[in-house]
Amino acid sequence: MDKRNRLIAIGLIGIGCLMIFGRWIGFFSIVALLFLLLGIYRTTSGRVKQGYTLLGVGAVLLLLDHLLLVLGICLISLGMFFVKSKRMQKRGGFMQKQSFSSRFDWDLSPWVMRSLSAWHVMGEADVDLSLAMAEDKETIMLFQGIFGDMDVHLSEDYGVEIEAFVLFGSIEFGSHRDTGMLNRLNWKSANYDISENKVKINVSYLMGDLDISMS
């Protein structure tokens, strides 16, 4: 029954996309849409890596056939990033970064944790809070973009609040994993209010994979 419901949902998504974008759809668009729908199906069925590959192929085909549309999506995402960054980063002194591709390897050795706002088309981040040395009592880290792969390892030394949204992809927290579309997570550690050092992490990707683990 679950499989049937997934197929119905994917079919409805496909019909909706055809109704909205029908006037712009050509051969490459149809092929790209099929790859995207198949990628969503594979992801929701548990074959995550294969699903991401298919989603990537579909996205590339859309890019080739609808460069202006993809560019428009990137500009909208970037504009929303500036608005969210201004709303969240109320204090000065934070680092703001926009790039096509970025990588953060904060899981290999001790690192200095500062407030950060980062936007990218493609990004990868490995964040281990057990190795972090905080500069301030409260640190705000915003990650937003089109494609993202992020691993976060939590530590009891910090009170942590996480707000995450992945349109297509998955969010894994401990033994629980949500895959498919419209994945959302809002979580606050039990020691957040009493912790001397607090960390707020906000993640938002159109397509991505977020994996959160605890000590």
N, C-alpha and C. Protein backbone atom coordinates (compact mmCIF):
# COMPACT_ATOMS: atom_id res chain seq x y z
N MET A 1 0.83 -1.21 0.00
CA MET A 1 0.00 0.00 0.00
C MET A 1 0.86 1.26 0.00
N ASP A 2 1.95 1.24 0.79
CA ASP A 2 2.84 2.38 0.83
C ASP A 2 3.45 2.65 -0.54
N LYS A 3 3.83 1.56 -1.23
CA LYS A 3 4.42 1.71 -2.56
C LYS A 3 3.41 2.33 -3.52
N ARG A 4 2.17 1.89 -3.43
CA ARG A 4 1.13 2.43 -4.30
C ARG A 4 0.91 3.92 -4.02
N ASN A 5 0.90 4.29 -2.73
CA ASN A 5 0.71 5.70 -2.37
C ASN A 5 1.86 6.55 -2.88
N ARG A 6 3.10 6.02 -2.81
CA ARG A 6 4.25 6.77 -3.32
C ARG A 6 4.13 7.00 -4.81
N LEU A 7 3.69 5.94 -5.55
CA LEU A 7 3.54 6.08 -7.00
C LEU A 7 2.47 7.11 -7.34
N ILE A 8 1.36 7.09 -6.59
CA ILE A 8 0.29 8.06 -6.82
C ILE A 8 0.80 9.48 -6.56
N ALA A 9 1.54 9.65 -5.45
CA ALA A 9 2.07 10.96 -5.09
C ALA A 9 3.03 11.47 -6.16
N ILE A 10 3.93 10.60 -6.63
CA ILE A 10 4.88 11.00 -7.66
C ILE A 10 4.16 11.34 -8.95
N GLY A 11 3.12 10.55 -9.28
CA GLY A 11 2.33 10.85 -10.48
C GLY A 11 1.65 12.20 -10.40
N LEU A 12 1.10 12.52 -9.24
CA LEU A 12 0.45 13.82 -9.06
C LEU A 12 1.46 14.96 -9.17
N ILE A 13 2.65 14.74 -8.62
CA ILE A 13 3.70 15.76 -8.74
C ILE A 13 4.05 15.99 -10.20
N GLY A 14 4.20 14.90 -10.95
CA GLY A 14 4.52 15.01 -12.37
C GLY A 14 3.45 15.75 -13.15
N ILE A 15 2.18 15.43 -12.88
CA ILE A 15 1.08 16.11 -13.57
C ILE A 15 1.08 17.59 -13.23
N GLY A 16 1.31 17.89 -11.93
CA GLY A 16 1.35 19.29 -11.51
C GLY A 16 2.45 20.06 -12.20
N CYS A 17 3.63 19.44 -12.31
CA CYS A 17 4.76 20.09 -13.00
C CYS A 17 4.43 20.33 -14.47
N LEU A 18 3.79 19.36 -15.10
CA LEU A 18 3.40 19.54 -16.50
C LEU A 18 2.42 20.69 -16.67
N MET A 19 1.47 20.80 -15.72
CA MET A 19 0.49 21.88 -15.80
C MET A 19 1.14 23.24 -15.62
N ILE A 20 2.12 23.32 -14.69
CA ILE A 20 2.76 24.60 -14.40
C ILE A 20 3.75 25.00 -15.48
N PHE A 21 4.58 24.02 -15.89
CA PHE A 21 5.69 24.33 -16.80
C PHE A 21 5.47 23.81 -18.21
N GLY A 22 4.24 23.42 -18.53
CA GLY A 22 3.97 22.79 -19.81
C GLY A 22 4.40 23.60 -21.02
N ARG A 23 4.23 24.89 -20.96
CA ARG A 23 4.54 25.73 -22.12
C ARG A 23 6.04 25.80 -22.39
N TRP A 24 6.87 25.48 -21.38
CA TRP A 24 8.32 25.52 -21.57
C TRP A 24 8.93 24.13 -21.77
N ILE A 25 8.10 23.11 -21.74
CA ILE A 25 8.65 21.75 -21.75
C ILE A 25 8.93 21.27 -23.16
N GLY A 26 10.16 20.81 -23.40
CA GLY A 26 10.56 20.18 -24.64
C GLY A 26 11.06 18.78 -24.36
N PHE A 27 11.79 18.21 -25.31
CA PHE A 27 12.26 16.83 -25.16
C PHE A 27 13.17 16.68 -23.95
N PHE A 28 14.18 17.57 -23.83
CA PHE A 28 15.10 17.47 -22.70
C PHE A 28 14.38 17.67 -21.37
N SER A 29 13.38 18.53 -21.37
CA SER A 29 12.63 18.78 -20.14
C SER A 29 11.86 17.53 -19.71
N ILE A 30 11.26 16.83 -20.68
CA ILE A 30 10.52 15.61 -20.36
C ILE A 30 11.46 14.54 -19.81
N VAL A 31 12.61 14.38 -20.46
CA VAL A 31 13.60 13.40 -19.98
C VAL A 31 14.09 13.79 -18.59
N ALA A 32 14.37 15.07 -18.40
CA ALA A 32 14.84 15.54 -17.09
C ALA A 32 13.79 15.29 -16.02
N LEU A 33 12.52 15.55 -16.35
CA LEU A 33 11.44 15.33 -15.39
C LEU A 33 11.33 13.86 -15.02
N LEU A 34 11.51 12.98 -16.01
CA LEU A 34 11.46 11.54 -15.73
C LEU A 34 12.60 11.14 -14.79
N PHE A 35 13.80 11.69 -15.03
CA PHE A 35 14.93 11.39 -14.14
C PHE A 35 14.65 11.89 -12.73
N LEU A 36 14.08 13.09 -12.62
CA LEU A 36 13.79 13.65 -11.30
C LEU A 36 12.74 12.82 -10.56
N LEU A 37 11.69 12.43 -11.27
CA LEU A 37 10.64 11.62 -10.63
C LEU A 37 11.17 10.26 -10.21
N LEU A 38 12.00 9.65 -11.09
CA LEU A 38 12.59 8.36 -10.75
C LEU A 38 13.56 8.51 -9.57
N GLY A 39 14.28 9.63 -9.54
CA GLY A 39 15.19 9.88 -8.43
C GLY A 39 14.44 10.03 -7.12
N ILE A 40 13.30 10.73 -7.14
CA ILE A 40 12.48 10.87 -5.94
C ILE A 40 11.97 9.51 -5.48
N TYR A 41 11.54 8.69 -6.45
CA TYR A 41 11.03 7.36 -6.11
C TYR A 41 12.11 6.49 -5.49
N ARG A 42 13.32 6.50 -6.09
CA ARG A 42 14.42 5.70 -5.55
C ARG A 42 14.80 6.18 -4.14
N THR A 43 14.79 7.49 -3.93
CA THR A 43 15.14 8.03 -2.61
C THR A 43 14.13 7.62 -1.56
N THR A 44 12.84 7.74 -1.88
CA THR A 44 11.81 7.37 -0.92
C THR A 44 11.74 5.87 -0.70
N SER A 45 12.29 5.09 -1.64
CA SER A 45 12.30 3.63 -1.49
C SER A 45 13.51 3.13 -0.71
N GLY A 46 14.39 4.06 -0.30
CA GLY A 46 15.54 3.66 0.48
C GLY A 46 16.84 3.57 -0.29
N ARG A 47 16.78 3.65 -1.63
CA ARG A 47 17.99 3.61 -2.44
C ARG A 47 18.49 5.04 -2.64
N VAL A 48 19.05 5.58 -1.57
CA VAL A 48 19.34 7.02 -1.52
C VAL A 48 20.41 7.43 -2.52
N LYS A 49 21.54 6.71 -2.56
CA LYS A 49 22.63 7.10 -3.45
C LYS A 49 22.20 7.05 -4.91
N GLN A 50 21.48 5.99 -5.29
CA GLN A 50 20.98 5.90 -6.66
C GLN A 50 19.99 7.02 -6.94
N GLY A 51 19.16 7.34 -5.96
CA GLY A 51 18.21 8.42 -6.12
C GLY A 51 18.88 9.75 -6.34
N TYR A 52 19.96 10.04 -5.58
CA TYR A 52 20.68 11.29 -5.74
C TYR A 52 21.33 11.38 -7.12
N THR A 53 21.84 10.24 -7.60
CA THR A 53 22.45 10.23 -8.94
C THR A 53 21.43 10.61 -10.00
N LEU A 54 20.24 10.01 -9.91
CA LEU A 54 19.19 10.31 -10.88
C LEU A 54 18.72 11.76 -10.76
N LEU A 55 18.60 12.26 -9.53
CA LEU A 55 18.23 13.66 -9.33
C LEU A 55 19.27 14.59 -9.93
N GLY A 56 20.55 14.24 -9.77
CA GLY A 56 21.62 15.05 -10.33
C GLY A 56 21.58 15.09 -11.85
N VAL A 57 21.33 13.92 -12.48
CA VAL A 57 21.23 13.86 -13.94
C VAL A 57 20.05 14.71 -14.42
N GLY A 58 18.92 14.58 -13.73
CA GLY A 58 17.75 15.38 -14.10
C GLY A 58 18.01 16.87 -13.97
N ALA A 59 18.72 17.26 -12.89
CA ALA A 59 19.02 18.68 -12.67
C ALA A 59 19.94 19.21 -13.77
N VAL A 60 20.93 18.41 -14.18
CA VAL A 60 21.84 18.84 -15.25
C VAL A 60 21.09 19.03 -16.56
N LEU A 61 20.19 18.10 -16.88
CA LEU A 61 19.40 18.23 -18.11
C LEU A 61 18.53 19.47 -18.07
N LEU A 62 17.93 19.75 -16.92
CA LEU A 62 17.14 20.98 -16.79
C LEU A 62 18.02 22.21 -16.97
N LEU A 63 19.23 22.13 -16.41
CA LEU A 63 20.15 23.25 -16.55
C LEU A 63 20.48 23.52 -18.01
N LEU A 64 20.70 22.44 -18.78
CA LEU A 64 21.03 22.60 -20.20
C LEU A 64 19.86 23.15 -21.00
N ASP A 65 18.65 22.75 -20.62
CA ASP A 65 17.48 23.14 -21.40
C ASP A 65 16.83 24.42 -20.91
N HIS A 66 17.02 24.74 -19.64
CA HIS A 66 16.37 25.92 -19.05
C HIS A 66 17.36 26.70 -18.19
N LEU A 67 18.37 27.21 -18.82
CA LEU A 67 19.41 27.91 -18.08
C LEU A 67 18.86 29.11 -17.33
N LEU A 68 17.98 29.87 -17.99
CA LEU A 68 17.42 31.06 -17.33
C LEU A 68 16.55 30.67 -16.14
N LEU A 69 15.80 29.57 -16.25
CA LEU A 69 14.95 29.12 -15.14
C LEU A 69 15.81 28.73 -13.95
N VAL A 70 16.88 27.96 -14.22
CA VAL A 70 17.76 27.53 -13.14
C VAL A 70 18.46 28.73 -12.51
N LEU A 71 18.91 29.65 -13.35
CA LEU A 71 19.54 30.86 -12.84
C LEU A 71 18.58 31.65 -11.97
N GLY A 72 17.31 31.71 -12.39
CA GLY A 72 16.30 32.39 -11.59
C GLY A 72 16.10 31.74 -10.23
N ILE A 73 16.09 30.40 -10.20
CA ILE A 73 15.96 29.68 -8.93
C ILE A 73 17.14 30.00 -8.02
N CYS A 74 18.35 30.03 -8.58
CA CYS A 74 19.54 30.35 -7.79
C CYS A 74 19.46 31.77 -7.23
N LEU A 75 19.00 32.72 -8.04
CA LEU A 75 18.90 34.11 -7.58
C LEU A 75 17.85 34.26 -6.48
N ILE A 76 16.72 33.54 -6.62
CA ILE A 76 15.69 33.58 -5.58
C ILE A 76 16.24 33.01 -4.28
N SER A 77 16.94 31.87 -4.39
CA SER A 77 17.53 31.25 -3.20
C SER A 77 18.54 32.18 -2.54
N LEU A 78 19.36 32.84 -3.36
CA LEU A 78 20.36 33.76 -2.81
C LEU A 78 19.70 34.95 -2.14
N GLY A 79 18.64 35.47 -2.75
CA GLY A 79 17.92 36.59 -2.14
C GLY A 79 17.31 36.21 -0.80
N MET A 80 16.71 35.01 -0.74
CA MET A 80 16.14 34.53 0.53
C MET A 80 17.23 34.32 1.57
N PHE A 81 18.42 33.93 1.11
CA PHE A 81 19.55 33.75 2.02
C PHE A 81 19.93 35.07 2.69
N PHE A 82 20.02 36.14 1.91
CA PHE A 82 20.38 37.44 2.47
C PHE A 82 19.35 37.91 3.51
N VAL A 83 18.07 37.67 3.20
CA VAL A 83 17.01 38.06 4.13
C VAL A 83 17.11 37.26 5.43
N LYS A 84 17.28 35.94 5.30
CA LYS A 84 17.37 35.09 6.49
C LYS A 84 18.62 35.39 7.30
N SER A 85 19.75 35.63 6.60
CA SER A 85 20.99 35.93 7.31
C SER A 85 20.86 37.21 8.12
N LYS A 86 20.23 38.22 7.54
CA LYS A 86 20.05 39.49 8.26
C LYS A 86 19.14 39.30 9.46
N ARG A 87 18.13 38.43 9.31
CA ARG A 87 17.19 38.20 10.41
C ARG A 87 17.83 37.39 11.54
N MET A 88 18.66 36.42 11.20
CA MET A 88 19.24 35.55 12.22
C MET A 88 20.49 36.13 12.86
N GLN A 89 21.36 36.75 12.06
CA GLN A 89 22.62 37.27 12.57
C GLN A 89 22.41 38.70 13.07
N LYS A 90 21.91 38.81 14.28
CA LYS A 90 21.57 40.13 14.82
C LYS A 90 22.80 40.88 15.31
N ARG A 91 23.86 40.14 15.61
CA ARG A 91 25.09 40.78 16.06
C ARG A 91 26.11 40.82 14.94
N GLY A 92 26.99 41.80 14.99
CA GLY A 92 28.01 41.89 13.96
C GLY A 92 29.14 40.91 14.21
N GLY A 93 30.11 40.93 13.32
CA GLY A 93 31.27 40.08 13.51
C GLY A 93 31.15 38.68 12.97
N PHE A 94 30.07 38.35 12.27
CA PHE A 94 29.93 37.01 11.70
C PHE A 94 30.52 36.98 10.29
N MET A 95 30.84 35.77 9.85
CA MET A 95 31.41 35.60 8.51
C MET A 95 30.29 35.24 7.54
N GLN A 96 30.23 35.91 6.39
CA GLN A 96 29.23 35.63 5.36
C GLN A 96 29.95 35.23 4.08
N LYS A 97 29.51 34.12 3.48
CA LYS A 97 30.21 33.58 2.32
C LYS A 97 29.21 33.12 1.28
N GLN A 98 29.42 33.53 0.02
CA GLN A 98 28.61 33.05 -1.10
C GLN A 98 29.57 32.51 -2.16
N SER A 99 29.31 31.30 -2.65
CA SER A 99 30.21 30.72 -3.63
C SER A 99 29.46 29.66 -4.43
N PHE A 100 30.03 29.30 -5.58
CA PHE A 100 29.43 28.23 -6.38
C PHE A 100 29.60 26.89 -5.68
N SER A 101 30.79 26.65 -5.14
CA SER A 101 31.07 25.39 -4.46
C SER A 101 31.87 25.67 -3.20
N SER A 102 31.52 24.97 -2.12
CA SER A 102 32.26 25.16 -0.87
C SER A 102 32.31 23.86 -0.09
N ARG A 103 33.32 23.76 0.76
CA ARG A 103 33.51 22.57 1.58
C ARG A 103 34.05 22.99 2.94
N PHE A 104 33.46 22.44 4.01
CA PHE A 104 33.90 22.73 5.37
C PHE A 104 34.28 21.41 6.04
N ASP A 105 35.56 21.24 6.34
CA ASP A 105 36.06 20.04 6.99
C ASP A 105 36.35 20.36 8.46
N TRP A 106 35.30 20.40 9.26
CA TRP A 106 35.45 20.72 10.68
C TRP A 106 35.27 19.46 11.53
N ASP A 107 35.87 18.38 11.09
CA ASP A 107 35.78 17.12 11.83
C ASP A 107 37.14 16.42 11.93
N LEU A 108 38.19 17.11 11.53
CA LEU A 108 39.51 16.48 11.47
C LEU A 108 40.41 16.88 12.64
N SER A 109 40.25 18.09 13.15
CA SER A 109 41.09 18.60 14.22
C SER A 109 40.33 19.73 14.93
N PRO A 110 40.78 20.15 16.13
CA PRO A 110 40.11 21.27 16.82
C PRO A 110 40.00 22.50 15.94
N TRP A 111 38.86 23.16 16.00
CA TRP A 111 38.62 24.32 15.15
C TRP A 111 37.88 25.40 15.93
N VAL A 112 38.08 26.65 15.52
CA VAL A 112 37.45 27.80 16.17
C VAL A 112 36.07 28.01 15.55
N MET A 113 35.04 27.97 16.39
CA MET A 113 33.66 28.09 15.91
C MET A 113 33.20 29.54 16.00
N ARG A 114 32.84 30.10 14.84
CA ARG A 114 32.34 31.46 14.77
C ARG A 114 30.99 31.46 14.08
N SER A 115 30.21 32.50 14.30
CA SER A 115 28.93 32.65 13.60
C SER A 115 29.20 32.77 12.11
N LEU A 116 28.36 32.08 11.32
CA LEU A 116 28.63 31.97 9.88
C LEU A 116 27.32 31.93 9.11
N SER A 117 27.30 32.58 7.96
CA SER A 117 26.22 32.46 6.99
C SER A 117 26.84 32.06 5.66
N ALA A 118 26.48 30.88 5.13
CA ALA A 118 27.11 30.37 3.91
C ALA A 118 26.05 29.95 2.92
N TRP A 119 26.20 30.43 1.67
CA TRP A 119 25.31 30.02 0.57
C TRP A 119 26.17 29.47 -0.55
N HIS A 120 25.69 28.39 -1.18
CA HIS A 120 26.44 27.79 -2.28
C HIS A 120 25.49 27.04 -3.21
N VAL A 121 25.90 26.89 -4.45
CA VAL A 121 25.15 26.04 -5.37
C VAL A 121 25.37 24.58 -4.99
N MET A 122 26.61 24.21 -4.72
CA MET A 122 26.95 22.86 -4.27
C MET A 122 27.86 22.98 -3.06
N GLY A 123 27.48 22.32 -1.98
CA GLY A 123 28.27 22.43 -0.76
C GLY A 123 28.34 21.14 0.02
N GLU A 124 29.41 21.00 0.77
CA GLU A 124 29.60 19.84 1.64
C GLU A 124 30.19 20.33 2.95
N ALA A 125 29.64 19.86 4.07
CA ALA A 125 30.12 20.29 5.37
C ALA A 125 30.13 19.11 6.34
N ASP A 126 31.25 18.95 7.05
CA ASP A 126 31.39 17.97 8.12
C ASP A 126 31.70 18.76 9.39
N VAL A 127 30.74 18.79 10.32
CA VAL A 127 30.84 19.63 11.51
C VAL A 127 30.82 18.74 12.76
N ASP A 128 31.92 18.75 13.51
CA ASP A 128 32.02 17.98 14.75
C ASP A 128 32.12 18.97 15.90
N LEU A 129 31.03 19.12 16.66
CA LEU A 129 31.01 20.10 17.74
C LEU A 129 31.89 19.68 18.92
N SER A 130 32.23 18.40 19.01
CA SER A 130 33.11 17.97 20.10
C SER A 130 34.53 18.49 19.92
N LEU A 131 34.87 18.94 18.71
CA LEU A 131 36.19 19.51 18.43
C LEU A 131 36.16 21.04 18.36
N ALA A 132 34.97 21.62 18.55
CA ALA A 132 34.81 23.06 18.37
C ALA A 132 35.24 23.84 19.61
N MET A 133 35.83 25.01 19.36
CA MET A 133 36.18 25.96 20.42
C MET A 133 35.43 27.26 20.13
N ALA A 134 34.41 27.53 20.92
CA ALA A 134 33.53 28.67 20.66
C ALA A 134 34.17 29.99 21.04
N GLU A 135 33.98 30.99 20.18
CA GLU A 135 34.46 32.34 20.46
C GLU A 135 33.47 33.12 21.31
N ASP A 136 32.16 32.84 21.13
CA ASP A 136 31.11 33.58 21.81
C ASP A 136 30.21 32.62 22.58
N LYS A 137 29.40 33.18 23.45
CA LYS A 137 28.45 32.37 24.22
C LYS A 137 27.38 31.77 23.32
N GLU A 138 27.02 32.50 22.25
CA GLU A 138 26.03 32.00 21.30
C GLU A 138 26.59 32.06 19.89
N THR A 139 26.53 30.95 19.17
CA THR A 139 27.02 30.87 17.80
C THR A 139 25.87 30.50 16.88
N ILE A 140 25.72 31.24 15.79
CA ILE A 140 24.65 30.98 14.82
C ILE A 140 25.29 30.59 13.49
N MET A 141 24.91 29.41 12.98
CA MET A 141 25.49 28.91 11.73
C MET A 141 24.36 28.63 10.75
N LEU A 142 24.38 29.34 9.63
CA LEU A 142 23.36 29.22 8.58
C LEU A 142 23.99 28.63 7.33
N PHE A 143 23.43 27.52 6.86
CA PHE A 143 23.87 26.89 5.61
C PHE A 143 22.67 26.81 4.67
N GLN A 144 22.79 27.39 3.50
CA GLN A 144 21.68 27.40 2.55
C GLN A 144 22.22 27.28 1.13
N GLY A 145 21.45 26.63 0.25
CA GLY A 145 21.90 26.52 -1.13
C GLY A 145 21.02 25.59 -1.96
N ILE A 146 21.55 25.17 -3.09
CA ILE A 146 20.81 24.33 -4.03
C ILE A 146 21.06 22.85 -3.73
N PHE A 147 22.32 22.42 -3.78
CA PHE A 147 22.70 21.04 -3.46
C PHE A 147 23.59 21.05 -2.22
N GLY A 148 23.31 20.16 -1.27
CA GLY A 148 24.12 20.13 -0.06
C GLY A 148 24.21 18.75 0.57
N ASP A 149 25.37 18.44 1.11
CA ASP A 149 25.61 17.20 1.85
C ASP A 149 26.27 17.59 3.16
N MET A 150 25.59 17.35 4.28
CA MET A 150 26.08 17.86 5.56
C MET A 150 25.98 16.80 6.64
N ASP A 151 27.08 16.63 7.40
CA ASP A 151 27.12 15.74 8.56
C ASP A 151 27.44 16.57 9.79
N VAL A 152 26.60 16.43 10.84
CA VAL A 152 26.78 17.19 12.08
C VAL A 152 26.88 16.20 13.23
N HIS A 153 27.97 16.32 14.00
CA HIS A 153 28.15 15.50 15.20
C HIS A 153 27.98 16.40 16.42
N LEU A 154 26.97 16.12 17.24
CA LEU A 154 26.65 16.97 18.38
C LEU A 154 27.53 16.63 19.58
N SER A 155 27.60 17.58 20.52
CA SER A 155 28.37 17.40 21.74
C SER A 155 27.57 17.90 22.93
N GLU A 156 27.71 17.22 24.08
CA GLU A 156 27.00 17.63 25.29
C GLU A 156 27.58 18.91 25.87
N ASP A 157 28.72 19.36 25.35
CA ASP A 157 29.33 20.60 25.85
C ASP A 157 28.56 21.83 25.40
N TYR A 158 27.68 21.67 24.42
CA TYR A 158 26.92 22.80 23.88
C TYR A 158 25.42 22.52 23.93
N GLY A 159 24.66 23.57 24.21
CA GLY A 159 23.23 23.50 24.00
C GLY A 159 22.96 23.79 22.53
N VAL A 160 22.25 22.89 21.86
CA VAL A 160 22.13 22.97 20.40
C VAL A 160 20.65 23.08 19.99
N GLU A 161 20.39 23.98 19.06
CA GLU A 161 19.08 24.09 18.43
C GLU A 161 19.26 23.96 16.93
N ILE A 162 18.49 23.06 16.31
CA ILE A 162 18.62 22.79 14.87
C ILE A 162 17.29 23.01 14.18
N GLU A 163 17.33 23.77 13.11
CA GLU A 163 16.17 23.94 12.22
C GLU A 163 16.64 23.62 10.81
N ALA A 164 16.02 22.60 10.20
CA ALA A 164 16.49 22.14 8.89
C ALA A 164 15.31 21.88 7.96
N PHE A 165 15.55 22.16 6.67
CA PHE A 165 14.56 21.89 5.63
C PHE A 165 15.28 21.43 4.37
N VAL A 166 14.87 20.27 3.84
CA VAL A 166 15.40 19.74 2.59
C VAL A 166 14.21 19.42 1.69
N LEU A 167 14.12 20.11 0.55
CA LEU A 167 12.98 19.91 -0.34
C LEU A 167 12.99 18.50 -0.94
N PHE A 168 14.11 18.11 -1.55
CA PHE A 168 14.29 16.76 -2.08
C PHE A 168 15.54 16.16 -1.43
N GLY A 169 15.39 14.99 -0.82
CA GLY A 169 16.55 14.35 -0.22
C GLY A 169 16.20 13.66 1.08
N SER A 170 17.03 13.85 2.10
CA SER A 170 16.80 13.14 3.35
C SER A 170 17.39 13.90 4.53
N ILE A 171 16.78 13.66 5.70
CA ILE A 171 17.29 14.14 6.98
C ILE A 171 17.34 12.95 7.91
N GLU A 172 18.52 12.66 8.42
CA GLU A 172 18.71 11.54 9.33
C GLU A 172 19.16 12.06 10.69
N PHE A 173 18.45 11.66 11.74
CA PHE A 173 18.79 12.08 13.10
C PHE A 173 18.82 10.82 13.96
N GLY A 174 20.03 10.38 14.29
CA GLY A 174 20.16 9.14 15.04
C GLY A 174 19.69 7.96 14.21
N SER A 175 18.71 7.22 14.74
CA SER A 175 18.20 6.05 14.03
C SER A 175 16.99 6.37 13.16
N HIS A 176 16.56 7.64 13.18
CA HIS A 176 15.37 8.04 12.42
C HIS A 176 15.78 8.75 11.14
N ARG A 177 15.18 8.36 10.03
CA ARG A 177 15.52 8.94 8.73
C ARG A 177 14.25 9.28 7.95
N ASP A 178 14.17 10.51 7.48
CA ASP A 178 13.08 10.95 6.60
C ASP A 178 13.66 11.17 5.20
N THR A 179 13.05 10.55 4.20
CA THR A 179 13.52 10.70 2.83
C THR A 179 12.36 11.10 1.93
N GLY A 180 12.70 11.65 0.78
CA GLY A 180 11.68 12.03 -0.19
C GLY A 180 11.60 13.54 -0.35
N MET A 181 10.39 14.07 -0.15
CA MET A 181 10.15 15.51 -0.35
C MET A 181 9.73 16.17 0.95
N LEU A 182 10.00 17.49 1.01
CA LEU A 182 9.54 18.34 2.10
C LEU A 182 9.95 17.79 3.46
N ASN A 183 11.23 17.50 3.62
CA ASN A 183 11.75 17.00 4.89
C ASN A 183 12.08 18.18 5.80
N ARG A 184 11.60 18.11 7.03
CA ARG A 184 11.80 19.22 7.96
C ARG A 184 12.17 18.68 9.35
N LEU A 185 13.03 19.40 10.04
CA LEU A 185 13.42 19.03 11.40
C LEU A 185 13.53 20.28 12.25
N ASN A 186 12.91 20.25 13.42
CA ASN A 186 13.06 21.28 14.44
C ASN A 186 13.38 20.58 15.76
N TRP A 187 14.55 20.85 16.31
CA TRP A 187 14.99 20.12 17.50
C TRP A 187 15.83 21.03 18.38
N LYS A 188 15.66 20.84 19.70
CA LYS A 188 16.45 21.58 20.68
C LYS A 188 16.90 20.60 21.75
N SER A 189 18.18 20.65 22.10
CA SER A 189 18.71 19.73 23.11
C SER A 189 18.13 20.05 24.48
N ALA A 190 18.08 19.02 25.33
CA ALA A 190 17.49 19.18 26.66
C ALA A 190 18.26 20.17 27.52
N ASN A 191 19.54 20.32 27.26
CA ASN A 191 20.37 21.22 28.07
C ASN A 191 20.51 22.62 27.46
N TYR A 192 19.71 22.92 26.45
CA TYR A 192 19.89 24.18 25.73
C TYR A 192 19.74 25.40 26.63
N ASP A 193 18.68 25.46 27.42
CA ASP A 193 18.39 26.65 28.23
C ASP A 193 19.39 26.86 29.35
N ILE A 194 20.03 25.79 29.82
CA ILE A 194 20.95 25.92 30.96
C ILE A 194 22.42 25.93 30.53
N SER A 195 22.68 25.74 29.23
CA SER A 195 24.05 25.68 28.75
C SER A 195 24.69 27.06 28.70
N GLU A 196 25.96 27.13 29.06
CA GLU A 196 26.68 28.39 28.99
C GLU A 196 26.97 28.76 27.54
N ASN A 197 27.23 27.77 26.71
CA ASN A 197 27.50 28.00 25.29
C ASN A 197 26.40 27.37 24.46
N LYS A 198 25.83 28.16 23.56
CA LYS A 198 24.72 27.71 22.73
C LYS A 198 25.10 27.78 21.25
N VAL A 199 24.56 26.84 20.47
CA VAL A 199 24.79 26.81 19.03
C VAL A 199 23.44 26.65 18.33
N LYS A 200 23.17 27.56 17.40
CA LYS A 200 21.98 27.45 16.56
C LYS A 200 22.42 27.13 15.13
N ILE A 201 21.89 26.03 14.59
CA ILE A 201 22.24 25.60 13.24
C ILE A 201 20.99 25.61 12.37
N ASN A 202 21.04 26.35 11.28
CA ASN A 202 19.92 26.43 10.35
C ASN A 202 20.38 25.94 8.98
N VAL A 203 19.71 24.92 8.45
CA VAL A 203 20.09 24.30 7.18
C VAL A 203 18.90 24.33 6.23
N SER A 204 19.13 24.74 4.99
CA SER A 204 18.06 24.79 4.00
C SER A 204 18.63 24.50 2.61
N TYR A 205 18.19 23.37 2.00
CA TYR A 205 18.66 22.99 0.67
C TYR A 205 17.49 22.56 -0.21
N LEU A 206 17.60 22.84 -1.51
CA LEU A 206 16.61 22.32 -2.44
C LEU A 206 16.78 20.81 -2.60
N MET A 207 18.01 20.36 -2.74
CA MET A 207 18.32 18.93 -2.79
C MET A 207 19.49 18.68 -1.85
N GLY A 208 19.31 17.75 -0.92
CA GLY A 208 20.40 17.56 0.02
C GLY A 208 20.25 16.35 0.91
N ASP A 209 21.29 16.13 1.69
CA ASP A 209 21.35 15.03 2.63
C ASP A 209 21.95 15.56 3.92
N LEU A 210 21.17 15.51 5.00
CA LEU A 210 21.62 15.99 6.31
C LEU A 210 21.64 14.82 7.28
N ASP A 211 22.79 14.58 7.89
CA ASP A 211 22.96 13.47 8.83
C ASP A 211 23.43 14.04 10.17
N ILE A 212 22.64 13.83 11.22
CA ILE A 212 22.96 14.36 12.54
C ILE A 212 23.16 13.20 13.50
N SER A 213 24.29 13.19 14.20
CA SER A 213 24.59 12.13 15.16
C SER A 213 24.97 12.74 16.49
N MET A 214 24.87 11.94 17.55
CA MET A 214 25.15 12.40 18.90
C MET A 214 26.24 11.54 19.52
N SER A 215 26.93 12.11 20.52
CA SER A 215 28.01 11.38 21.20
C SER A 215 27.45 10.18 21.95
